Amino acid sequence: MVSWLPLLCLTVYVMAYNIGHACVPDVLLGEMLPPWFKEKAGAITVLSSNTMHLLMVILFSQQEDSLQSYGLFLALAALNVATAILIAMFVKETKGKTLQEISELFEEKSKLIEYGSIER
């Protein structure tokens, strides 16, 4: 048995996650929010993200006991698919646009601002 292999796999996973998926909320904040709201959204994003990570760590063993390993990972895969669909539907494409063009996208009021849920 190779005793160092699990540690190597865990290290590679953590490195890959931090280079890839962990950066997604920060990138989305920079791409899809107007400058005047980025600070508030950043605080909300960090708080909710860290809370969800903590809950996943705390509840993982209970979820695995009730759903079995395959059920748990199937549920997590379904959440990933749902997230990809929501991103495709709601994140504005900014590829090839200048900062001025991106800023103009946010000049239009969003539904949240229009209904008064978020004020400048």
PDB file of N, CA and C in Angstrom:
ATOM      1  N   MET A   1       0.835  -1.186   0.000  1.00  0.00           N
ATOM      2  CA  MET A   1       0.000   0.000   0.000  1.00  0.00           C
ATOM      3  C   MET A   1       0.879   1.249   0.000  1.00  0.00           C
ATOM      4  N   VAL A   2       0.509   2.204  -0.791  1.00  0.00           N
ATOM      5  CA  VAL A   2       1.265   3.452  -0.874  1.00  0.00           C
ATOM      6  C   VAL A   2       0.650   4.437   0.120  1.00  0.00           C
ATOM      7  N   SER A   3       1.352   4.705   1.201  1.00  0.00           N
ATOM      8  CA  SER A   3       0.784   5.530   2.273  1.00  0.00           C
ATOM      9  C   SER A   3       0.734   7.018   1.928  1.00  0.00           C
ATOM     10  N   TRP A   4       1.558   7.469   1.022  1.00  0.00           N
ATOM     11  CA  TRP A   4       1.604   8.882   0.674  1.00  0.00           C
ATOM     12  C   TRP A   4       0.619   9.248  -0.438  1.00  0.00           C
ATOM     13  N   LEU A   5       0.017   8.276  -1.104  1.00  0.00           N
ATOM     14  CA  LEU A   5      -0.873   8.554  -2.235  1.00  0.00           C
ATOM     15  C   LEU A   5      -2.126   9.349  -1.842  1.00  0.00           C
ATOM     16  N   PRO A   6      -2.837   9.019  -0.754  1.00  0.00           N
ATOM     17  CA  PRO A   6      -4.000   9.840  -0.389  1.00  0.00           C
ATOM     18  C   PRO A   6      -3.632  11.296  -0.110  1.00  0.00           C
ATOM     19  N   LEU A   7      -2.511  11.514   0.550  1.00  0.00           N
ATOM     20  CA  LEU A   7      -2.069  12.880   0.823  1.00  0.00           C
ATOM     21  C   LEU A   7      -1.752  13.618  -0.474  1.00  0.00           C
ATOM     22  N   LEU A   8      -1.106  12.945  -1.410  1.00  0.00           N
ATOM     23  CA  LEU A   8      -0.806  13.554  -2.703  1.00  0.00           C
ATOM     24  C   LEU A   8      -2.095  13.910  -3.444  1.00  0.00           C
ATOM     25  N   CYS A   9      -3.052  12.986  -3.462  1.00  0.00           N
ATOM     26  CA  CYS A   9      -4.329  13.246  -4.146  1.00  0.00           C
ATOM     27  C   CYS A   9      -5.065  14.418  -3.510  1.00  0.00           C
ATOM     28  N   LEU A  10      -5.085  14.485  -2.187  1.00  0.00           N
ATOM     29  CA  LEU A  10      -5.739  15.588  -1.489  1.00  0.00           C
ATOM     30  C   LEU A  10      -5.045  16.911  -1.793  1.00  0.00           C
ATOM     31  N   THR A  11      -3.731  16.911  -1.815  1.00  0.00           N
ATOM     32  CA  THR A  11      -2.975  18.121  -2.121  1.00  0.00           C
ATOM     33  C   THR A  11      -3.246  18.600  -3.540  1.00  0.00           C
ATOM     34  N   VAL A  12      -3.260  17.689  -4.496  1.00  0.00           N
ATOM     35  CA  VAL A  12      -3.549  18.049  -5.891  1.00  0.00           C
ATOM     36  C   VAL A  12      -4.967  18.597  -6.013  1.00  0.00           C
ATOM     37  N   TYR A  13      -5.921  17.966  -5.325  1.00  0.00           N
ATOM     38  CA  TYR A  13      -7.306  18.442  -5.363  1.00  0.00           C
ATOM     39  C   TYR A  13      -7.414  19.860  -4.815  1.00  0.00           C
ATOM     40  N   VAL A  14      -6.820  20.123  -3.659  1.00  0.00           N
ATOM     41  CA  VAL A  14      -6.900  21.450  -3.046  1.00  0.00           C
ATOM     42  C   VAL A  14      -6.257  22.495  -3.947  1.00  0.00           C
ATOM     43  N   MET A  15      -5.116  22.172  -4.539  1.00  0.00           N
ATOM     44  CA  MET A  15      -4.453  23.114  -5.442  1.00  0.00           C
ATOM     45  C   MET A  15      -5.306  23.385  -6.672  1.00  0.00           C
ATOM     46  N   ALA A  16      -5.861  22.349  -7.269  1.00  0.00           N
ATOM     47  CA  ALA A  16      -6.687  22.518  -8.465  1.00  0.00           C
ATOM     48  C   ALA A  16      -7.953  23.304  -8.147  1.00  0.00           C
ATOM     49  N   TYR A  17      -8.566  23.041  -7.006  1.00  0.00           N
ATOM     50  CA  TYR A  17      -9.782  23.759  -6.618  1.00  0.00           C
ATOM     51  C   TYR A  17      -9.492  25.242  -6.422  1.00  0.00           C
ATOM     52  N   ASN A  18      -8.398  25.557  -5.748  1.00  0.00           N
ATOM     53  CA  ASN A  18      -8.082  26.957  -5.486  1.00  0.00           C
ATOM     54  C   ASN A  18      -7.682  27.713  -6.745  1.00  0.00           C
ATOM     55  N   ILE A  19      -7.120  27.033  -7.716  1.00  0.00           N
ATOM     56  CA  ILE A  19      -6.782  27.680  -8.981  1.00  0.00           C
ATOM     57  C   ILE A  19      -8.026  27.836  -9.850  1.00  0.00           C
ATOM     58  N   GLY A  20      -8.960  26.902  -9.752  1.00  0.00           N
ATOM     59  CA  GLY A  20     -10.127  26.888 -10.630  1.00  0.00           C
ATOM     60  C   GLY A  20     -11.409  27.374  -9.988  1.00  0.00           C
ATOM     61  N   HIS A  21     -12.174  26.468  -9.399  1.00  0.00           N
ATOM     62  CA  HIS A  21     -13.521  26.775  -8.921  1.00  0.00           C
ATOM     63  C   HIS A  21     -13.575  27.799  -7.797  1.00  0.00           C
ATOM     64  N   ALA A  22     -12.575  27.870  -6.966  1.00  0.00           N
ATOM     65  CA  ALA A  22     -12.603  28.805  -5.841  1.00  0.00           C
ATOM     66  C   ALA A  22     -12.599  30.256  -6.311  1.00  0.00           C
ATOM     67  N   CYS A  23     -12.081  30.516  -7.498  1.00  0.00           N
ATOM     68  CA  CYS A  23     -11.989  31.881  -8.021  1.00  0.00           C
ATOM     69  C   CYS A  23     -13.278  32.360  -8.685  1.00  0.00           C
ATOM     70  N   VAL A  24     -14.194  31.457  -8.968  1.00  0.00           N
ATOM     71  CA  VAL A  24     -15.402  31.805  -9.729  1.00  0.00           C
ATOM     72  C   VAL A  24     -16.210  32.932  -9.083  1.00  0.00           C
ATOM     73  N   PRO A  25     -16.517  32.911  -7.783  1.00  0.00           N
ATOM     74  CA  PRO A  25     -17.295  34.029  -7.224  1.00  0.00           C
ATOM     75  C   PRO A  25     -16.605  35.378  -7.385  1.00  0.00           C
ATOM     76  N   ASP A  26     -15.296  35.422  -7.210  1.00  0.00           N
ATOM     77  CA  ASP A  26     -14.577  36.685  -7.355  1.00  0.00           C
ATOM     78  C   ASP A  26     -14.596  37.179  -8.796  1.00  0.00           C
ATOM     79  N   VAL A  27     -14.444  36.276  -9.732  1.00  0.00           N
ATOM     80  CA  VAL A  27     -14.484  36.653 -11.150  1.00  0.00           C
ATOM     81  C   VAL A  27     -15.872  37.157 -11.519  1.00  0.00           C
ATOM     82  N   LEU A  28     -16.903  36.467 -11.062  1.00  0.00           N
ATOM     83  CA  LEU A  28     -18.267  36.893 -11.362  1.00  0.00           C
ATOM     84  C   LEU A  28     -18.570  38.254 -10.751  1.00  0.00           C
ATOM     85  N   LEU A  29     -18.066  38.517  -9.551  1.00  0.00           N
ATOM     86  CA  LEU A  29     -18.268  39.834  -8.947  1.00  0.00           C
ATOM     87  C   LEU A  29     -17.683  40.928  -9.826  1.00  0.00           C
ATOM     88  N   GLY A  30     -16.486  40.686 -10.328  1.00  0.00           N
ATOM     89  CA  GLY A  30     -15.839  41.681 -11.169  1.00  0.00           C
ATOM     90  C   GLY A  30     -16.495  41.859 -12.516  1.00  0.00           C
ATOM     91  N   GLU A  31     -17.122  40.819 -13.018  1.00  0.00           N
ATOM     92  CA  GLU A  31     -17.687  40.862 -14.361  1.00  0.00           C
ATOM     93  C   GLU A  31     -19.139  41.320 -14.411  1.00  0.00           C
ATOM     94  N   MET A  32     -19.933  40.985 -13.399  1.00  0.00           N
ATOM     95  CA  MET A  32     -21.364  41.200 -13.573  1.00  0.00           C
ATOM     96  C   MET A  32     -21.990  42.219 -12.636  1.00  0.00           C
ATOM     97  N   LEU A  33     -21.220  42.840 -11.780  1.00  0.00           N
ATOM     98  CA  LEU A  33     -21.800  43.812 -10.859  1.00  0.00           C
ATOM     99  C   LEU A  33     -21.270  45.209 -11.130  1.00  0.00           C
ATOM    100  N   PRO A  34     -22.126  46.207 -10.948  1.00  0.00           N
ATOM    101  CA  PRO A  34     -21.665  47.587 -11.120  1.00  0.00           C
ATOM    102  C   PRO A  34     -20.683  47.957 -10.010  1.00  0.00           C
ATOM    103  N   PRO A  35     -19.774  48.870 -10.286  1.00  0.00           N
ATOM    104  CA  PRO A  35     -18.727  49.209  -9.311  1.00  0.00           C
ATOM    105  C   PRO A  35     -19.261  49.667  -7.954  1.00  0.00           C
ATOM    106  N   TRP A  36     -20.383  50.364  -7.931  1.00  0.00           N
ATOM    107  CA  TRP A  36     -20.902  50.892  -6.671  1.00  0.00           C
ATOM    108  C   TRP A  36     -21.445  49.801  -5.746  1.00  0.00           C
ATOM    109  N   PHE A  37     -21.644  48.590  -6.249  1.00  0.00           N
ATOM    110  CA  PHE A  37     -22.228  47.517  -5.440  1.00  0.00           C
ATOM    111  C   PHE A  37     -21.239  46.394  -5.148  1.00  0.00           C
ATOM    112  N   LYS A  38     -20.035  46.467  -5.689  1.00  0.00           N
ATOM    113  CA  LYS A  38     -19.078  45.362  -5.546  1.00  0.00           C
ATOM    114  C   LYS A  38     -18.650  45.115  -4.102  1.00  0.00           C
ATOM    115  N   GLU A  39     -18.494  46.166  -3.309  1.00  0.00           N
ATOM    116  CA  GLU A  39     -18.052  45.976  -1.925  1.00  0.00           C
ATOM    117  C   GLU A  39     -19.092  45.213  -1.113  1.00  0.00           C
ATOM    118  N   LYS A  40     -20.352  45.628  -1.220  1.00  0.00           N
ATOM    119  CA  LYS A  40     -21.424  44.947  -0.486  1.00  0.00           C
ATOM    120  C   LYS A  40     -21.577  43.511  -0.968  1.00  0.00           C
ATOM    121  N   ALA A  41     -21.563  43.335  -2.271  1.00  0.00           N
ATOM    122  CA  ALA A  41     -21.723  41.988  -2.832  1.00  0.00           C
ATOM    123  C   ALA A  41     -20.544  41.100  -2.464  1.00  0.00           C
ATOM    124  N   GLY A  42     -19.349  41.669  -2.418  1.00  0.00           N
ATOM    125  CA  GLY A  42     -18.176  40.893  -2.029  1.00  0.00           C
ATOM    126  C   GLY A  42     -18.293  40.375  -0.605  1.00  0.00           C
ATOM    127  N   ALA A  43     -18.753  41.233   0.298  1.00  0.00           N
ATOM    128  CA  ALA A  43     -18.929  40.807   1.689  1.00  0.00           C
ATOM    129  C   ALA A  43     -19.991  39.720   1.802  1.00  0.00           C
ATOM    130  N   ILE A  44     -21.095  39.895   1.099  1.00  0.00           N
ATOM    131  CA  ILE A  44     -22.169  38.898   1.119  1.00  0.00           C
ATOM    132  C   ILE A  44     -21.681  37.582   0.526  1.00  0.00           C
ATOM    133  N   THR A  45     -20.931  37.657  -0.561  1.00  0.00           N
ATOM    134  CA  THR A  45     -20.429  36.451  -1.224  1.00  0.00           C
ATOM    135  C   THR A  45     -19.461  35.680  -0.332  1.00  0.00           C
ATOM    136  N   VAL A  46     -18.525  36.380   0.279  1.00  0.00           N
ATOM    137  CA  VAL A  46     -17.552  35.711   1.152  1.00  0.00           C
ATOM    138  C   VAL A  46     -18.259  35.070   2.340  1.00  0.00           C
ATOM    139  N   LEU A  47     -19.186  35.794   2.951  1.00  0.00           N
ATOM    140  CA  LEU A  47     -19.912  35.256   4.101  1.00  0.00           C
ATOM    141  C   LEU A  47     -20.725  34.022   3.724  1.00  0.00           C
ATOM    142  N   SER A  48     -21.482  34.108   2.638  1.00  0.00           N
ATOM    143  CA  SER A  48     -22.319  32.962   2.251  1.00  0.00           C
ATOM    144  C   SER A  48     -21.473  31.783   1.773  1.00  0.00           C
ATOM    145  N   SER A  49     -20.412  32.046   1.050  1.00  0.00           N
ATOM    146  CA  SER A  49     -19.551  30.970   0.564  1.00  0.00           C
ATOM    147  C   SER A  49     -18.885  30.225   1.719  1.00  0.00           C
ATOM    148  N   ASN A  50     -18.327  30.969   2.658  1.00  0.00           N
ATOM    149  CA  ASN A  50     -17.672  30.323   3.795  1.00  0.00           C
ATOM    150  C   ASN A  50     -18.672  29.596   4.687  1.00  0.00           C
ATOM    151  N   THR A  51     -19.869  30.141   4.830  1.00  0.00           N
ATOM    152  CA  THR A  51     -20.912  29.460   5.602  1.00  0.00           C
ATOM    153  C   THR A  51     -21.292  28.141   4.945  1.00  0.00           C
ATOM    154  N   MET A  52     -21.454  28.141   3.630  1.00  0.00           N
ATOM    155  CA  MET A  52     -21.811  26.906   2.926  1.00  0.00           C
ATOM    156  C   MET A  52     -20.682  25.881   2.996  1.00  0.00           C
ATOM    157  N   HIS A  53     -19.433  26.330   2.893  1.00  0.00           N
ATOM    158  CA  HIS A  53     -18.307  25.401   3.031  1.00  0.00           C
ATOM    159  C   HIS A  53     -18.291  24.766   4.420  1.00  0.00           C
ATOM    160  N   LEU A  54     -18.527  25.571   5.442  1.00  0.00           N
ATOM    161  CA  LEU A  54     -18.555  25.052   6.803  1.00  0.00           C
ATOM    162  C   LEU A  54     -19.683  24.033   6.975  1.00  0.00           C
ATOM    163  N   LEU A  55     -20.864  24.351   6.455  1.00  0.00           N
ATOM    164  CA  LEU A  55     -21.987  23.411   6.547  1.00  0.00           C
ATOM    165  C   LEU A  55     -21.696  22.102   5.818  1.00  0.00           C
ATOM    166  N   MET A  56     -21.068  22.190   4.663  1.00  0.00           N
ATOM    167  CA  MET A  56     -20.740  20.964   3.921  1.00  0.00           C
ATOM    168  C   MET A  56     -19.769  20.088   4.711  1.00  0.00           C
ATOM    169  N   VAL A  57     -18.784  20.704   5.340  1.00  0.00           N
ATOM    170  CA  VAL A  57     -17.822  19.927   6.127  1.00  0.00           C
ATOM    171  C   VAL A  57     -18.503  19.303   7.341  1.00  0.00           C
ATOM    172  N   ILE A  58     -19.339  20.074   8.026  1.00  0.00           N
ATOM    173  CA  ILE A  58     -20.006  19.574   9.230  1.00  0.00           C
ATOM    174  C   ILE A  58     -21.012  18.476   8.896  1.00  0.00           C
ATOM    175  N   LEU A  59     -21.778  18.654   7.818  1.00  0.00           N
ATOM    176  CA  LEU A  59     -22.881  17.741   7.515  1.00  0.00           C
ATOM    177  C   LEU A  59     -22.526  16.611   6.553  1.00  0.00           C
ATOM    178  N   PHE A  60     -21.293  16.559   6.074  1.00  0.00           N
ATOM    179  CA  PHE A  60     -20.942  15.566   5.058  1.00  0.00           C
ATOM    180  C   PHE A  60     -21.206  14.140   5.528  1.00  0.00           C
ATOM    181  N   SER A  61     -20.769  13.794   6.719  1.00  0.00           N
ATOM    182  CA  SER A  61     -20.923  12.399   7.164  1.00  0.00           C
ATOM    183  C   SER A  61     -22.392  12.023   7.354  1.00  0.00           C
ATOM    184  N   GLN A  62     -23.218  12.959   7.857  1.00  0.00           N
ATOM    185  CA  GLN A  62     -24.645  12.669   7.997  1.00  0.00           C
ATOM    186  C   GLN A  62     -25.310  12.508   6.632  1.00  0.00           C
ATOM    187  N   GLN A  63     -24.921  13.357   5.685  1.00  0.00           N
ATOM    188  CA  GLN A  63     -25.484  13.252   4.338  1.00  0.00           C
ATOM    189  C   GLN A  63     -25.055  11.949   3.682  1.00  0.00           C
ATOM    190  N   GLU A  64     -23.815  11.565   3.881  1.00  0.00           N
ATOM    191  CA  GLU A  64     -23.329  10.323   3.281  1.00  0.00           C
ATOM    192  C   GLU A  64     -24.034   9.112   3.890  1.00  0.00           C
ATOM    193  N   ASP A  65     -24.309   9.155   5.183  1.00  0.00           N
ATOM    194  CA  ASP A  65     -25.035   8.052   5.822  1.00  0.00           C
ATOM    195  C   ASP A  65     -26.455   7.920   5.279  1.00  0.00           C
ATOM    196  N   SER A  66     -27.120   9.047   5.050  1.00  0.00           N
ATOM    197  CA  SER A  66     -28.512   8.975   4.603  1.00  0.00           C
ATOM    198  C   SER A  66     -28.645   8.762   3.101  1.00  0.00           C
ATOM    199  N   LEU A  67     -27.752   9.320   2.310  1.00  0.00           N
ATOM    200  CA  LEU A  67     -27.859   9.223   0.848  1.00  0.00           C
ATOM    201  C   LEU A  67     -26.929   8.184   0.234  1.00  0.00           C
ATOM    202  N   GLN A  68     -26.023   7.635   1.010  1.00  0.00           N
ATOM    203  CA  GLN A  68     -24.939   6.781   0.511  1.00  0.00           C
ATOM    204  C   GLN A  68     -24.009   7.644  -0.346  1.00  0.00           C
ATOM    205  N   SER A  69     -22.853   7.142  -0.645  1.00  0.00           N
ATOM    206  CA  SER A  69     -21.870   7.933  -1.398  1.00  0.00           C
ATOM    207  C   SER A  69     -22.378   8.320  -2.776  1.00  0.00           C
ATOM    208  N   TYR A  70     -22.976   7.363  -3.488  1.00  0.00           N
ATOM    209  CA  TYR A  70     -23.424   7.664  -4.850  1.00  0.00           C
ATOM    210  C   TYR A  70     -24.541   8.698  -4.848  1.00  0.00           C
ATOM    211  N   GLY A  71     -25.458   8.629  -3.887  1.00  0.00           N
ATOM    212  CA  GLY A  71     -26.553   9.596  -3.815  1.00  0.00           C
ATOM    213  C   GLY A  71     -26.064  10.991  -3.484  1.00  0.00           C
ATOM    214  N   LEU A  72     -25.108  11.070  -2.579  1.00  0.00           N
ATOM    215  CA  LEU A  72     -24.555  12.361  -2.193  1.00  0.00           C
ATOM    216  C   LEU A  72     -23.850  13.023  -3.367  1.00  0.00           C
ATOM    217  N   PHE A  73     -23.009  12.265  -4.057  1.00  0.00           N
ATOM    218  CA  PHE A  73     -22.284  12.852  -5.182  1.00  0.00           C
ATOM    219  C   PHE A  73     -23.200  13.114  -6.376  1.00  0.00           C
ATOM    220  N   LEU A  74     -24.264  12.350  -6.517  1.00  0.00           N
ATOM    221  CA  LEU A  74     -25.263  12.630  -7.550  1.00  0.00           C
ATOM    222  C   LEU A  74     -25.974  13.953  -7.246  1.00  0.00           C
ATOM    223  N   ALA A  75     -26.314  14.176  -5.977  1.00  0.00           N
ATOM    224  CA  ALA A  75     -26.941  15.440  -5.585  1.00  0.00           C
ATOM    225  C   ALA A  75     -25.995  16.616  -5.816  1.00  0.00           C
ATOM    226  N   LEU A  76     -24.731  16.452  -5.473  1.00  0.00           N
ATOM    227  CA  LEU A  76     -23.757  17.524  -5.702  1.00  0.00           C
ATOM    228  C   LEU A  76     -23.565  17.790  -7.196  1.00  0.00           C
ATOM    229  N   ALA A  77     -23.580  16.734  -8.006  1.00  0.00           N
ATOM    230  CA  ALA A  77     -23.473  16.910  -9.457  1.00  0.00           C
ATOM    231  C   ALA A  77     -24.690  17.656  -9.994  1.00  0.00           C
ATOM    232  N   ALA A  78     -25.875  17.338  -9.473  1.00  0.00           N
ATOM    233  CA  ALA A  78     -27.090  18.037  -9.902  1.00  0.00           C
ATOM    234  C   ALA A  78     -27.017  19.518  -9.542  1.00  0.00           C
ATOM    235  N   LEU A  79     -26.485  19.832  -8.371  1.00  0.00           N
ATOM    236  CA  LEU A  79     -26.306  21.234  -7.996  1.00  0.00           C
ATOM    237  C   LEU A  79     -25.326  21.943  -8.926  1.00  0.00           C
ATOM    238  N   ASN A  80     -24.270  21.260  -9.332  1.00  0.00           N
ATOM    239  CA  ASN A  80     -23.317  21.851 -10.275  1.00  0.00           C
ATOM    240  C   ASN A  80     -23.971  22.128 -11.620  1.00  0.00           C
ATOM    241  N   VAL A  81     -24.793  21.205 -12.094  1.00  0.00           N
ATOM    242  CA  VAL A  81     -25.499  21.408 -13.366  1.00  0.00           C
ATOM    243  C   VAL A  81     -26.460  22.586 -13.245  1.00  0.00           C
ATOM    244  N   ALA A  82     -27.200  22.651 -12.134  1.00  0.00           N
ATOM    245  CA  ALA A  82     -28.130  23.766 -11.926  1.00  0.00           C
ATOM    246  C   ALA A  82     -27.385  25.097 -11.879  1.00  0.00           C
ATOM    247  N   THR A  83     -26.232  25.119 -11.240  1.00  0.00           N
ATOM    248  CA  THR A  83     -25.424  26.334 -11.182  1.00  0.00           C
ATOM    249  C   THR A  83     -24.957  26.749 -12.571  1.00  0.00           C
ATOM    250  N   ALA A  84     -24.520  25.795 -13.372  1.00  0.00           N
ATOM    251  CA  ALA A  84     -24.075  26.106 -14.738  1.00  0.00           C
ATOM    252  C   ALA A  84     -25.223  26.678 -15.564  1.00  0.00           C
ATOM    253  N   ILE A  85     -26.416  26.129 -15.399  1.00  0.00           N
ATOM    254  CA  ILE A  85     -27.581  26.638 -16.136  1.00  0.00           C
ATOM    255  C   ILE A  85     -27.904  28.063 -15.702  1.00  0.00           C
ATOM    256  N   LEU A  86     -27.904  28.324 -14.399  1.00  0.00           N
ATOM    257  CA  LEU A  86     -28.184  29.676 -13.907  1.00  0.00           C
ATOM    258  C   LEU A  86     -27.143  30.677 -14.391  1.00  0.00           C
ATOM    259  N   ILE A  87     -25.878  30.278 -14.399  1.00  0.00           N
ATOM    260  CA  ILE A  87     -24.829  31.171 -14.895  1.00  0.00           C
ATOM    261  C   ILE A  87     -25.040  31.461 -16.377  1.00  0.00           C
ATOM    262  N   ALA A  88     -25.363  30.435 -17.150  1.00  0.00           N
ATOM    263  CA  ALA A  88     -25.601  30.634 -18.582  1.00  0.00           C
ATOM    264  C   ALA A  88     -26.789  31.560 -18.825  1.00  0.00           C
ATOM    265  N   MET A  89     -27.780  31.509 -17.952  1.00  0.00           N
ATOM    266  CA  MET A  89     -28.977  32.329 -18.137  1.00  0.00           C
ATOM    267  C   MET A  89     -28.788  33.778 -17.689  1.00  0.00           C
ATOM    268  N   PHE A  90     -28.044  34.008 -16.610  1.00  0.00           N
ATOM    269  CA  PHE A  90     -28.045  35.325 -15.987  1.00  0.00           C
ATOM    270  C   PHE A  90     -26.742  36.108 -16.059  1.00  0.00           C
ATOM    271  N   VAL A  91     -25.625  35.474 -16.353  1.00  0.00           N
ATOM    272  CA  VAL A  91     -24.355  36.194 -16.408  1.00  0.00           C
ATOM    273  C   VAL A  91     -24.184  36.779 -17.804  1.00  0.00           C
ATOM    274  N   LYS A  92     -23.961  38.082 -17.846  1.00  0.00           N
ATOM    275  CA  LYS A  92     -23.806  38.764 -19.131  1.00  0.00           C
ATOM    276  C   LYS A  92     -22.432  38.461 -19.724  1.00  0.00           C
ATOM    277  N   GLU A  93     -22.389  38.277 -21.038  1.00  0.00           N
ATOM    278  CA  GLU A  93     -21.128  37.999 -21.729  1.00  0.00           C
ATOM    279  C   GLU A  93     -20.329  39.290 -21.850  1.00  0.00           C
ATOM    280  N   THR A  94     -19.078  39.271 -21.420  1.00  0.00           N
ATOM    281  CA  THR A  94     -18.223  40.451 -21.491  1.00  0.00           C
ATOM    282  C   THR A  94     -16.978  40.221 -22.344  1.00  0.00           C
ATOM    283  N   LYS A  95     -16.898  39.070 -22.976  1.00  0.00           N
ATOM    284  CA  LYS A  95     -15.714  38.758 -23.778  1.00  0.00           C
ATOM    285  C   LYS A  95     -15.599  39.730 -24.950  1.00  0.00           C
ATOM    286  N   GLY A  96     -14.437  40.328 -25.096  1.00  0.00           N
ATOM    287  CA  GLY A  96     -14.175  41.228 -26.208  1.00  0.00           C
ATOM    288  C   GLY A  96     -14.749  42.624 -26.031  1.00  0.00           C
ATOM    289  N   LYS A  97     -15.342  42.931 -24.880  1.00  0.00           N
ATOM    290  CA  LYS A  97     -15.914  44.254 -24.647  1.00  0.00           C
ATOM    291  C   LYS A  97     -14.950  45.089 -23.813  1.00  0.00           C
ATOM    292  N   THR A  98     -14.987  46.388 -24.050  1.00  0.00           N
ATOM    293  CA  THR A  98     -14.153  47.293 -23.267  1.00  0.00           C
ATOM    294  C   THR A  98     -14.810  47.542 -21.915  1.00  0.00           C
ATOM    295  N   LEU A  99     -14.045  48.140 -21.004  1.00  0.00           N
ATOM    296  CA  LEU A  99     -14.590  48.463 -19.690  1.00  0.00           C
ATOM    297  C   LEU A  99     -15.758  49.437 -19.813  1.00  0.00           C
ATOM    298  N   GLN A 100     -15.673  50.355 -20.764  1.00  0.00           N
ATOM    299  CA  GLN A 100     -16.761  51.309 -20.986  1.00  0.00           C
ATOM    300  C   GLN A 100     -18.029  50.589 -21.435  1.00  0.00           C
ATOM    301  N   GLU A 101     -17.907  49.641 -22.351  1.00  0.00           N
ATOM    302  CA  GLU A 101     -19.074  48.889 -22.817  1.00  0.00           C
ATOM    303  C   GLU A 101     -19.684  48.056 -21.689  1.00  0.00           C
ATOM    304  N   ILE A 102     -18.837  47.486 -20.851  1.00  0.00           N
ATOM    305  CA  ILE A 102     -19.334  46.704 -19.718  1.00  0.00           C
ATOM    306  C   ILE A 102     -20.054  47.619 -18.735  1.00  0.00           C
ATOM    307  N   SER A 103     -19.501  48.805 -18.492  1.00  0.00           N
ATOM    308  CA  SER A 103     -20.150  49.753 -17.585  1.00  0.00           C
ATOM    309  C   SER A 103     -21.508  50.177 -18.114  1.00  0.00           C
ATOM    310  N   GLU A 104     -21.627  50.320 -19.426  1.00  0.00           N
ATOM    311  CA  GLU A 104     -22.908  50.698 -20.022  1.00  0.00           C
ATOM    312  C   GLU A 104     -23.962  49.613 -19.839  1.00  0.00           C
ATOM    313  N   LEU A 105     -23.523  48.352 -19.767  1.00  0.00           N
ATOM    314  CA  LEU A 105     -24.478  47.274 -19.503  1.00  0.00           C
ATOM    315  C   LEU A 105     -25.165  47.467 -18.156  1.00  0.00           C
ATOM    316  N   PHE A 106     -24.453  48.076 -17.216  1.00  0.00           N
ATOM    317  CA  PHE A 106     -24.990  48.243 -15.875  1.00  0.00           C
ATOM    318  C   PHE A 106     -25.684  49.575 -15.675  1.00  0.00           C
ATOM    319  N   GLU A 107     -25.702  50.413 -16.686  1.00  0.00           N
ATOM    320  CA  GLU A 107     -26.442  51.659 -16.588  1.00  0.00           C
ATOM    321  C   GLU A 107     -27.940  51.383 -16.542  1.00  0.00           C
ATOM    322  N   GLU A 108     -28.354  50.301 -17.201  1.00  0.00           N
ATOM    323  CA  GLU A 108     -29.755  49.903 -17.143  1.00  0.00           C
ATOM    324  C   GLU A 108     -30.021  49.368 -15.747  1.00  0.00           C
ATOM    325  N   LYS A 109     -31.155  49.725 -15.193  1.00  0.00           N
ATOM    326  CA  LYS A 109     -31.475  49.256 -13.844  1.00  0.00           C
ATOM    327  C   LYS A 109     -31.809  47.778 -13.882  1.00  0.00           C
ATOM    328  N   SER A 110     -31.306  47.066 -12.908  1.00  0.00           N
ATOM    329  CA  SER A 110     -31.656  45.657 -12.801  1.00  0.00           C
ATOM    330  C   SER A 110     -33.011  45.538 -12.120  1.00  0.00           C
ATOM    331  N   LYS A 111     -33.596  44.359 -12.158  1.00  0.00           N
ATOM    332  CA  LYS A 111     -34.900  44.147 -11.535  1.00  0.00           C
ATOM    333  C   LYS A 111     -34.846  44.380 -10.032  1.00  0.00           C
ATOM    334  N   LEU A 112     -33.747  43.993  -9.391  1.00  0.00           N
ATOM    335  CA  LEU A 112     -33.629  44.210  -7.952  1.00  0.00           C
ATOM    336  C   LEU A 112     -33.639  45.691  -7.613  1.00  0.00           C
ATOM    337  N   ILE A 113     -32.901  46.473  -8.381  1.00  0.00           N
ATOM    338  CA  ILE A 113     -32.829  47.904  -8.122  1.00  0.00           C
ATOM    339  C   ILE A 113     -34.159  48.557  -8.477  1.00  0.00           C
ATOM    340  N   GLU A 114     -34.773  48.097  -9.557  1.00  0.00           N
ATOM    341  CA  GLU A 114     -36.033  48.663 -10.017  1.00  0.00           C
ATOM    342  C   GLU A 114     -37.126  48.511  -8.965  1.00  0.00           C
ATOM    343  N   TYR A 115     -37.156  47.393  -8.285  1.00  0.00           N
ATOM    344  CA  TYR A 115     -38.174  47.155  -7.270  1.00  0.00           C
ATOM    345  C   TYR A 115     -37.792  47.724  -5.912  1.00  0.00           C
ATOM    346  N   GLY A 116     -36.644  48.343  -5.817  1.00  0.00           N
ATOM    347  CA  GLY A 116     -36.251  48.999  -4.583  1.00  0.00           C
ATOM    348  C   GLY A 116     -35.607  48.096  -3.551  1.00  0.00           C
ATOM    349  N   SER A 117     -35.251  46.871  -3.931  1.00  0.00           N
ATOM    350  CA  SER A 117     -34.630  45.969  -2.968  1.00  0.00           C
ATOM    351  C   SER A 117     -33.204  46.391  -2.646  1.00  0.00           C
ATOM    352  N   ILE A 118     -32.538  46.956  -3.623  1.00  0.00           N
ATOM    353  CA  ILE A 118     -31.158  47.391  -3.431  1.00  0.00           C
ATOM    354  C   ILE A 118     -31.074  48.843  -3.871  1.00  0.00           C
ATOM    355  N   GLU A 119     -30.562  49.683  -2.985  1.00  0.00           N
ATOM    356  CA  GLU A 119     -30.444  51.092  -3.324  1.00  0.00           C
ATOM    357  C   GLU A 119     -28.983  51.471  -3.428  1.00  0.00           C
ATOM    358  N   ARG A 120     -28.730  52.477  -4.233  1.00  0.00           N
ATOM    359  CA  ARG A 120     -27.360  52.978  -4.374  1.00  0.00           C
ATOM    360  C   ARG A 120     -26.940  53.718  -3.144  1.00  0.00           C
TER     361      ARG A 120
END
